[in-house]
Amino acid sequence: MIKKSFNEKLAFSGDLPKVVTLTSPRLIERYKAETMAIVPAREYDSLMKKVSKGRLSTIDRMMTYMARKYKADCACPMTAGMFVNIAAAASEERGGKNETPYWRTLKKDGQLNEKYPGGIERQKVRLEKEGHTIIQKGKRCLVVDYEKKIENF
């Protein structure tokens, strides 16, 4: 079996996007939702490219945007996390061509993403180069006042 490149994974949409109806009471309670949008990786990549220098976004904000776009109560957090990481790895794979500024997309609460290429250290360097201040709280690294720099979609 031949392993797909990250750019091939990014380009593959399968049957996505789709909106599914949650039927499990446990899932409805967990997500506080009855419908969930599952959106392809390329849409997260496209949204990440809209975050301009000096600005930031979070995976949660992108999920909110996707849920609104597809008229669902929420977006799938599992696929969102995976697809944001695929977008980051695909950008690195392209070697600077048509770059996705993935380092500007943070996890919940302004936290840096250890799964991005180069891990937290590389994301920290790129964010500091753009003027952001990073602090460490326990094992987590956070962008100071990230809320004030959020890109609106």
N, C-alpha and C. Protein backbone atom coordinates (compact mmCIF):
# COMPACT_ATOMS: atom_id res chain seq x y z
N MET A 1 0.84 -1.19 0.00
CA MET A 1 0.00 0.00 0.00
C MET A 1 0.88 1.25 0.00
N ILE A 2 0.60 2.17 -0.89
CA ILE A 2 1.37 3.41 -0.99
C ILE A 2 0.75 4.45 -0.06
N LYS A 3 1.62 5.05 0.75
CA LYS A 3 1.16 6.06 1.69
C LYS A 3 0.91 7.38 0.95
N LYS A 4 -0.23 8.01 1.22
CA LYS A 4 -0.56 9.28 0.59
C LYS A 4 0.26 10.41 1.21
N SER A 5 0.62 11.38 0.38
CA SER A 5 1.28 12.57 0.90
C SER A 5 0.24 13.42 1.62
N PHE A 6 0.70 14.37 2.41
CA PHE A 6 -0.24 15.25 3.12
C PHE A 6 -1.03 16.11 2.12
N ASN A 7 -0.41 16.48 1.02
CA ASN A 7 -1.14 17.26 0.02
C ASN A 7 -2.21 16.42 -0.67
N GLU A 8 -1.95 15.14 -0.85
CA GLU A 8 -3.00 14.25 -1.37
C GLU A 8 -4.14 14.11 -0.37
N LYS A 9 -3.80 13.99 0.91
CA LYS A 9 -4.83 13.92 1.95
C LYS A 9 -5.64 15.22 2.00
N LEU A 10 -4.95 16.35 1.82
CA LEU A 10 -5.61 17.65 1.84
C LEU A 10 -6.59 17.78 0.66
N ALA A 11 -6.22 17.25 -0.48
CA ALA A 11 -7.05 17.37 -1.68
C ALA A 11 -8.23 16.41 -1.68
N PHE A 12 -8.13 15.34 -0.92
CA PHE A 12 -9.19 14.31 -0.93
C PHE A 12 -10.36 14.76 -0.06
N SER A 13 -11.55 14.74 -0.65
CA SER A 13 -12.75 15.15 0.10
C SER A 13 -13.70 14.00 0.38
N GLY A 14 -13.58 12.92 -0.36
CA GLY A 14 -14.51 11.81 -0.17
C GLY A 14 -15.94 12.29 -0.30
N ASP A 15 -16.76 11.99 0.68
CA ASP A 15 -18.17 12.41 0.64
C ASP A 15 -18.41 13.68 1.46
N LEU A 16 -17.34 14.39 1.75
CA LEU A 16 -17.45 15.62 2.56
C LEU A 16 -17.55 16.84 1.66
N PRO A 17 -18.20 17.89 2.08
CA PRO A 17 -18.80 18.12 3.39
C PRO A 17 -20.15 17.42 3.53
N LYS A 18 -20.49 17.16 4.77
CA LYS A 18 -21.82 16.62 5.05
C LYS A 18 -22.24 17.04 6.45
N VAL A 19 -23.53 17.02 6.67
CA VAL A 19 -24.10 17.31 7.98
C VAL A 19 -24.79 16.04 8.44
N VAL A 20 -24.41 15.57 9.61
CA VAL A 20 -25.01 14.36 10.15
C VAL A 20 -25.91 14.72 11.33
N THR A 21 -26.94 13.92 11.51
CA THR A 21 -27.84 14.08 12.64
C THR A 21 -27.37 13.15 13.75
N LEU A 22 -27.12 13.73 14.91
CA LEU A 22 -26.70 12.92 16.05
C LEU A 22 -27.94 12.24 16.64
N THR A 23 -27.84 10.96 16.88
CA THR A 23 -28.98 10.23 17.43
C THR A 23 -28.71 9.71 18.84
N SER A 24 -27.46 9.60 19.20
CA SER A 24 -27.10 9.11 20.52
C SER A 24 -27.31 10.20 21.57
N PRO A 25 -28.11 9.93 22.59
CA PRO A 25 -28.30 10.93 23.66
C PRO A 25 -26.97 11.36 24.29
N ARG A 26 -26.04 10.42 24.38
CA ARG A 26 -24.72 10.74 24.95
C ARG A 26 -23.99 11.78 24.10
N LEU A 27 -24.02 11.63 22.77
CA LEU A 27 -23.36 12.59 21.88
C LEU A 27 -24.09 13.92 21.85
N ILE A 28 -25.40 13.87 21.86
CA ILE A 28 -26.20 15.11 21.88
C ILE A 28 -25.86 15.91 23.14
N GLU A 29 -25.73 15.23 24.25
CA GLU A 29 -25.38 15.89 25.52
C GLU A 29 -23.94 16.42 25.48
N ARG A 30 -23.02 15.61 24.98
CA ARG A 30 -21.61 16.00 24.94
C ARG A 30 -21.38 17.24 24.09
N TYR A 31 -21.99 17.27 22.90
CA TYR A 31 -21.76 18.38 21.97
C TYR A 31 -22.81 19.48 22.06
N LYS A 32 -23.83 19.26 22.89
CA LYS A 32 -24.93 20.23 23.01
C LYS A 32 -25.46 20.56 21.62
N ALA A 33 -25.66 19.51 20.82
CA ALA A 33 -26.02 19.67 19.41
C ALA A 33 -26.81 18.47 18.92
N GLU A 34 -27.60 18.71 17.89
CA GLU A 34 -28.33 17.63 17.25
C GLU A 34 -27.81 17.37 15.83
N THR A 35 -27.14 18.37 15.25
CA THR A 35 -26.54 18.20 13.93
C THR A 35 -25.07 18.61 13.97
N MET A 36 -24.26 17.90 13.17
CA MET A 36 -22.81 18.15 13.17
C MET A 36 -22.30 18.19 11.74
N ALA A 37 -21.57 19.24 11.42
CA ALA A 37 -20.93 19.37 10.11
C ALA A 37 -19.58 18.67 10.13
N ILE A 38 -19.34 17.89 9.10
CA ILE A 38 -18.03 17.27 8.91
C ILE A 38 -17.52 17.83 7.58
N VAL A 39 -16.45 18.60 7.69
CA VAL A 39 -15.98 19.43 6.58
C VAL A 39 -14.60 18.95 6.13
N PRO A 40 -14.31 18.93 4.83
CA PRO A 40 -13.02 18.43 4.36
C PRO A 40 -11.84 19.31 4.77
N ALA A 41 -10.68 18.70 4.79
CA ALA A 41 -9.45 19.38 5.22
C ALA A 41 -9.18 20.64 4.40
N ARG A 42 -9.45 20.61 3.11
CA ARG A 42 -9.13 21.76 2.27
C ARG A 42 -9.90 23.01 2.70
N GLU A 43 -11.08 22.84 3.30
CA GLU A 43 -11.84 24.01 3.77
C GLU A 43 -11.19 24.63 5.00
N TYR A 44 -10.62 23.79 5.86
CA TYR A 44 -9.88 24.33 7.01
C TYR A 44 -8.60 25.03 6.51
N ASP A 45 -7.94 24.42 5.54
CA ASP A 45 -6.75 25.02 4.95
C ASP A 45 -7.07 26.39 4.35
N SER A 46 -8.16 26.48 3.63
CA SER A 46 -8.58 27.74 3.02
C SER A 46 -8.85 28.81 4.09
N LEU A 47 -9.49 28.43 5.17
CA LEU A 47 -9.77 29.37 6.26
C LEU A 47 -8.47 29.80 6.95
N MET A 48 -7.55 28.87 7.14
CA MET A 48 -6.27 29.18 7.78
C MET A 48 -5.48 30.19 6.93
N LYS A 49 -5.62 30.12 5.61
CA LYS A 49 -4.91 31.05 4.73
C LYS A 49 -5.45 32.47 4.84
N LYS A 50 -6.64 32.65 5.39
CA LYS A 50 -7.23 33.98 5.55
C LYS A 50 -6.75 34.71 6.79
N VAL A 51 -6.01 34.03 7.66
CA VAL A 51 -5.52 34.66 8.89
C VAL A 51 -4.26 35.45 8.53
N SER A 52 -4.38 36.77 8.59
CA SER A 52 -3.29 37.64 8.15
C SER A 52 -2.20 37.78 9.22
N LYS A 53 -1.05 38.25 8.78
CA LYS A 53 0.10 38.43 9.66
C LYS A 53 -0.29 39.34 10.83
N GLY A 54 0.09 38.93 12.04
CA GLY A 54 -0.23 39.69 13.24
C GLY A 54 -1.58 39.30 13.85
N ARG A 55 -2.36 38.52 13.13
CA ARG A 55 -3.68 38.09 13.59
C ARG A 55 -3.62 36.60 13.96
N LEU A 56 -4.66 36.11 14.60
CA LEU A 56 -4.71 34.73 15.05
C LEU A 56 -6.11 34.15 14.86
N SER A 57 -6.20 32.85 14.95
CA SER A 57 -7.49 32.19 15.03
C SER A 57 -7.32 30.98 15.94
N THR A 58 -8.43 30.33 16.24
CA THR A 58 -8.40 29.10 17.01
C THR A 58 -9.19 28.04 16.25
N ILE A 59 -8.88 26.80 16.52
CA ILE A 59 -9.61 25.71 15.89
C ILE A 59 -11.09 25.83 16.26
N ASP A 60 -11.39 26.20 17.51
CA ASP A 60 -12.79 26.36 17.94
C ASP A 60 -13.53 27.40 17.11
N ARG A 61 -12.88 28.52 16.84
CA ARG A 61 -13.52 29.58 16.03
C ARG A 61 -13.77 29.09 14.61
N MET A 62 -12.83 28.32 14.08
CA MET A 62 -13.01 27.77 12.74
C MET A 62 -14.17 26.78 12.72
N MET A 63 -14.29 25.99 13.77
CA MET A 63 -15.40 25.04 13.85
C MET A 63 -16.73 25.77 13.93
N THR A 64 -16.77 26.86 14.66
CA THR A 64 -18.00 27.66 14.74
C THR A 64 -18.36 28.20 13.37
N TYR A 65 -17.37 28.70 12.66
CA TYR A 65 -17.59 29.22 11.30
C TYR A 65 -18.14 28.11 10.39
N MET A 66 -17.54 26.92 10.45
CA MET A 66 -17.97 25.81 9.59
C MET A 66 -19.40 25.37 9.94
N ALA A 67 -19.72 25.34 11.22
CA ALA A 67 -21.08 24.96 11.63
C ALA A 67 -22.10 25.95 11.07
N ARG A 68 -21.79 27.24 11.17
CA ARG A 68 -22.70 28.26 10.60
C ARG A 68 -22.82 28.11 9.10
N LYS A 69 -21.69 27.93 8.44
CA LYS A 69 -21.68 27.82 6.98
C LYS A 69 -22.57 26.67 6.50
N TYR A 70 -22.55 25.57 7.21
CA TYR A 70 -23.32 24.39 6.80
C TYR A 70 -24.63 24.23 7.57
N LYS A 71 -25.00 25.27 8.31
CA LYS A 71 -26.27 25.29 9.04
C LYS A 71 -26.42 24.08 9.96
N ALA A 72 -25.35 23.79 10.68
CA ALA A 72 -25.34 22.70 11.66
C ALA A 72 -25.18 23.31 13.05
N ASP A 73 -25.47 22.54 14.06
CA ASP A 73 -25.33 23.02 15.44
C ASP A 73 -23.88 23.12 15.87
N CYS A 74 -23.02 22.27 15.29
CA CYS A 74 -21.60 22.28 15.62
C CYS A 74 -20.82 21.65 14.47
N ALA A 75 -19.51 21.73 14.55
CA ALA A 75 -18.64 21.03 13.60
C ALA A 75 -17.91 19.94 14.37
N CYS A 76 -17.53 18.89 13.70
CA CYS A 76 -16.89 17.74 14.34
C CYS A 76 -15.50 18.12 14.85
N PRO A 77 -15.29 18.05 16.18
CA PRO A 77 -13.99 18.43 16.72
C PRO A 77 -12.87 17.46 16.37
N MET A 78 -13.20 16.18 16.23
CA MET A 78 -12.16 15.20 15.92
C MET A 78 -11.59 15.43 14.53
N THR A 79 -12.47 15.57 13.52
CA THR A 79 -11.97 15.78 12.16
C THR A 79 -11.35 17.17 12.03
N ALA A 80 -11.88 18.16 12.73
CA ALA A 80 -11.30 19.51 12.66
C ALA A 80 -9.85 19.48 13.12
N GLY A 81 -9.57 18.84 14.24
CA GLY A 81 -8.20 18.74 14.74
C GLY A 81 -7.29 18.02 13.78
N MET A 82 -7.77 16.91 13.24
CA MET A 82 -6.96 16.14 12.28
C MET A 82 -6.71 16.95 11.01
N PHE A 83 -7.76 17.62 10.51
CA PHE A 83 -7.64 18.32 9.25
C PHE A 83 -6.78 19.57 9.34
N VAL A 84 -6.79 20.25 10.48
CA VAL A 84 -5.91 21.40 10.69
C VAL A 84 -4.45 20.92 10.68
N ASN A 85 -4.20 19.78 11.30
CA ASN A 85 -2.84 19.23 11.31
C ASN A 85 -2.41 18.77 9.91
N ILE A 86 -3.33 18.22 9.14
CA ILE A 86 -3.02 17.83 7.75
C ILE A 86 -2.68 19.08 6.94
N ALA A 87 -3.45 20.15 7.12
CA ALA A 87 -3.17 21.40 6.40
C ALA A 87 -1.78 21.93 6.73
N ALA A 88 -1.39 21.84 8.00
CA ALA A 88 -0.06 22.30 8.43
C ALA A 88 1.03 21.46 7.79
N ALA A 89 0.88 20.15 7.86
CA ALA A 89 1.89 19.25 7.29
C ALA A 89 1.96 19.39 5.77
N ALA A 90 0.82 19.59 5.12
CA ALA A 90 0.81 19.78 3.66
C ALA A 90 1.54 21.06 3.27
N SER A 91 1.37 22.11 4.07
CA SER A 91 2.06 23.36 3.81
C SER A 91 3.58 23.15 3.87
N GLU A 92 4.02 22.45 4.89
CA GLU A 92 5.46 22.15 5.03
C GLU A 92 5.95 21.31 3.86
N GLU A 93 5.13 20.37 3.44
CA GLU A 93 5.48 19.49 2.34
C GLU A 93 5.70 20.27 1.04
N ARG A 94 4.96 21.38 0.88
CA ARG A 94 5.09 22.20 -0.33
C ARG A 94 6.37 23.04 -0.31
N GLY A 95 7.04 23.11 0.82
CA GLY A 95 8.33 23.80 0.90
C GLY A 95 8.28 25.29 0.63
N GLY A 96 7.29 25.98 1.18
CA GLY A 96 7.22 27.43 1.03
C GLY A 96 6.38 27.91 -0.14
N LYS A 97 5.97 27.01 -1.01
CA LYS A 97 5.12 27.38 -2.14
C LYS A 97 3.66 27.33 -1.68
N ASN A 98 2.93 28.40 -1.94
CA ASN A 98 1.52 28.46 -1.56
C ASN A 98 1.34 28.11 -0.07
N GLU A 99 2.12 28.77 0.75
CA GLU A 99 2.18 28.46 2.18
C GLU A 99 0.86 28.75 2.90
N THR A 100 0.51 27.87 3.81
CA THR A 100 -0.61 28.07 4.73
C THR A 100 -0.01 28.51 6.06
N PRO A 101 -0.35 29.69 6.57
CA PRO A 101 0.24 30.16 7.83
C PRO A 101 -0.41 29.48 9.05
N TYR A 102 -0.21 28.17 9.10
CA TYR A 102 -0.85 27.34 10.13
C TYR A 102 -0.48 27.76 11.55
N TRP A 103 0.71 28.31 11.75
CA TRP A 103 1.17 28.69 13.09
C TRP A 103 0.27 29.76 13.73
N ARG A 104 -0.54 30.43 12.91
CA ARG A 104 -1.46 31.46 13.42
C ARG A 104 -2.77 30.86 13.94
N THR A 105 -2.95 29.57 13.77
CA THR A 105 -4.15 28.89 14.28
C THR A 105 -3.79 28.16 15.56
N LEU A 106 -4.43 28.57 16.63
CA LEU A 106 -4.15 28.05 17.96
C LEU A 106 -5.20 27.05 18.39
N LYS A 107 -4.86 26.33 19.43
CA LYS A 107 -5.85 25.45 20.05
C LYS A 107 -6.71 26.29 20.99
N LYS A 108 -7.61 25.63 21.67
CA LYS A 108 -8.51 26.29 22.62
C LYS A 108 -7.73 27.12 23.64
N ASP A 109 -8.26 28.26 23.99
CA ASP A 109 -7.68 29.14 25.01
C ASP A 109 -6.33 29.73 24.63
N GLY A 110 -6.02 29.78 23.33
CA GLY A 110 -4.78 30.40 22.89
C GLY A 110 -3.56 29.52 23.02
N GLN A 111 -3.77 28.22 23.15
CA GLN A 111 -2.68 27.28 23.35
C GLN A 111 -2.00 26.91 22.04
N LEU A 112 -0.67 26.79 22.08
CA LEU A 112 0.09 26.35 20.91
C LEU A 112 -0.16 24.87 20.65
N ASN A 113 0.02 24.45 19.39
CA ASN A 113 -0.31 23.09 18.97
C ASN A 113 0.95 22.24 18.82
N GLU A 114 1.13 21.29 19.72
CA GLU A 114 2.32 20.43 19.71
C GLU A 114 2.38 19.51 18.50
N LYS A 115 1.28 19.34 17.79
CA LYS A 115 1.25 18.44 16.64
C LYS A 115 1.64 19.12 15.32
N TYR A 116 1.81 20.42 15.33
CA TYR A 116 2.24 21.11 14.11
C TYR A 116 3.68 20.73 13.79
N PRO A 117 4.09 20.86 12.52
CA PRO A 117 5.48 20.57 12.16
C PRO A 117 6.45 21.38 13.02
N GLY A 118 7.42 20.71 13.59
CA GLY A 118 8.38 21.38 14.46
C GLY A 118 7.89 21.57 15.88
N GLY A 119 6.65 21.16 16.14
CA GLY A 119 6.10 21.23 17.50
C GLY A 119 5.92 22.65 18.02
N ILE A 120 5.76 22.75 19.33
CA ILE A 120 5.50 24.02 19.99
C ILE A 120 6.65 25.01 19.78
N GLU A 121 7.88 24.51 19.82
CA GLU A 121 9.03 25.41 19.69
C GLU A 121 9.02 26.17 18.37
N ARG A 122 8.74 25.48 17.29
CA ARG A 122 8.74 26.13 15.97
C ARG A 122 7.57 27.10 15.85
N GLN A 123 6.39 26.71 16.36
CA GLN A 123 5.24 27.61 16.33
C GLN A 123 5.53 28.86 17.17
N LYS A 124 6.15 28.66 18.31
CA LYS A 124 6.50 29.79 19.19
C LYS A 124 7.42 30.77 18.48
N VAL A 125 8.44 30.28 17.82
CA VAL A 125 9.40 31.13 17.09
C VAL A 125 8.67 31.94 16.01
N ARG A 126 7.82 31.28 15.26
CA ARG A 126 7.11 31.97 14.16
C ARG A 126 6.14 33.02 14.70
N LEU A 127 5.45 32.70 15.80
CA LEU A 127 4.51 33.67 16.38
C LEU A 127 5.26 34.87 16.99
N GLU A 128 6.35 34.61 17.68
CA GLU A 128 7.13 35.71 18.27
C GLU A 128 7.70 36.61 17.18
N LYS A 129 8.08 36.02 16.06
CA LYS A 129 8.60 36.80 14.92
C LYS A 129 7.53 37.76 14.40
N GLU A 130 6.25 37.39 14.57
CA GLU A 130 5.14 38.24 14.13
C GLU A 130 4.64 39.17 15.24
N GLY A 131 5.36 39.21 16.38
CA GLY A 131 5.03 40.16 17.42
C GLY A 131 4.19 39.64 18.58
N HIS A 132 3.91 38.36 18.62
CA HIS A 132 3.09 37.80 19.70
C HIS A 132 3.98 37.42 20.88
N THR A 133 3.42 37.49 22.08
CA THR A 133 4.13 37.10 23.31
C THR A 133 3.58 35.75 23.76
N ILE A 134 4.51 34.82 24.04
CA ILE A 134 4.15 33.47 24.45
C ILE A 134 4.58 33.28 25.90
N ILE A 135 3.67 32.71 26.71
CA ILE A 135 4.01 32.37 28.09
C ILE A 135 3.77 30.89 28.31
N GLN A 136 4.43 30.36 29.33
CA GLN A 136 4.23 28.95 29.66
C GLN A 136 3.47 28.87 30.98
N LYS A 137 2.43 28.03 30.98
CA LYS A 137 1.64 27.75 32.19
C LYS A 137 1.63 26.24 32.35
N GLY A 138 2.42 25.75 33.28
CA GLY A 138 2.57 24.30 33.42
C GLY A 138 3.22 23.76 32.16
N LYS A 139 2.57 22.79 31.54
CA LYS A 139 3.10 22.21 30.31
C LYS A 139 2.60 22.93 29.06
N ARG A 140 1.65 23.83 29.24
CA ARG A 140 1.03 24.52 28.09
C ARG A 140 1.74 25.82 27.78
N CYS A 141 1.84 26.13 26.49
CA CYS A 141 2.35 27.43 26.03
C CYS A 141 1.16 28.17 25.43
N LEU A 142 1.00 29.43 25.83
CA LEU A 142 -0.16 30.22 25.42
C LEU A 142 0.27 31.56 24.85
N VAL A 143 -0.54 32.09 23.92
CA VAL A 143 -0.31 33.43 23.38
C VAL A 143 -1.03 34.41 24.31
N VAL A 144 -0.29 35.40 24.78
CA VAL A 144 -0.85 36.43 25.67
C VAL A 144 -1.85 37.28 24.89
N ASP A 145 -3.00 37.50 25.49
CA ASP A 145 -4.07 38.35 24.90
C ASP A 145 -4.43 37.95 23.47
N TYR A 146 -4.44 36.66 23.21
CA TYR A 146 -4.75 36.19 21.85
C TYR A 146 -6.14 36.65 21.40
N GLU A 147 -7.07 36.80 22.35
CA GLU A 147 -8.45 37.18 21.99
C GLU A 147 -8.51 38.52 21.28
N LYS A 148 -7.57 39.42 21.60
CA LYS A 148 -7.54 40.75 21.01
C LYS A 148 -7.04 40.74 19.57
N LYS A 149 -6.50 39.61 19.13
CA LYS A 149 -5.90 39.52 17.80
C LYS A 149 -6.61 38.52 16.90
N ILE A 150 -7.82 38.16 17.27
CA ILE A 150 -8.56 37.15 16.51
C ILE A 150 -9.04 37.72 15.18
N GLU A 151 -8.81 36.93 14.13
CA GLU A 151 -9.28 37.27 12.78
C GLU A 151 -10.76 36.93 12.69
N ASN A 152 -11.54 37.84 12.14
CA ASN A 152 -12.96 37.58 11.95
C ASN A 152 -13.19 37.04 10.55
N PHE A 153 -13.95 35.97 10.48
CA PHE A 153 -14.26 35.34 9.18
C PHE A 153 -15.66 35.72 8.76
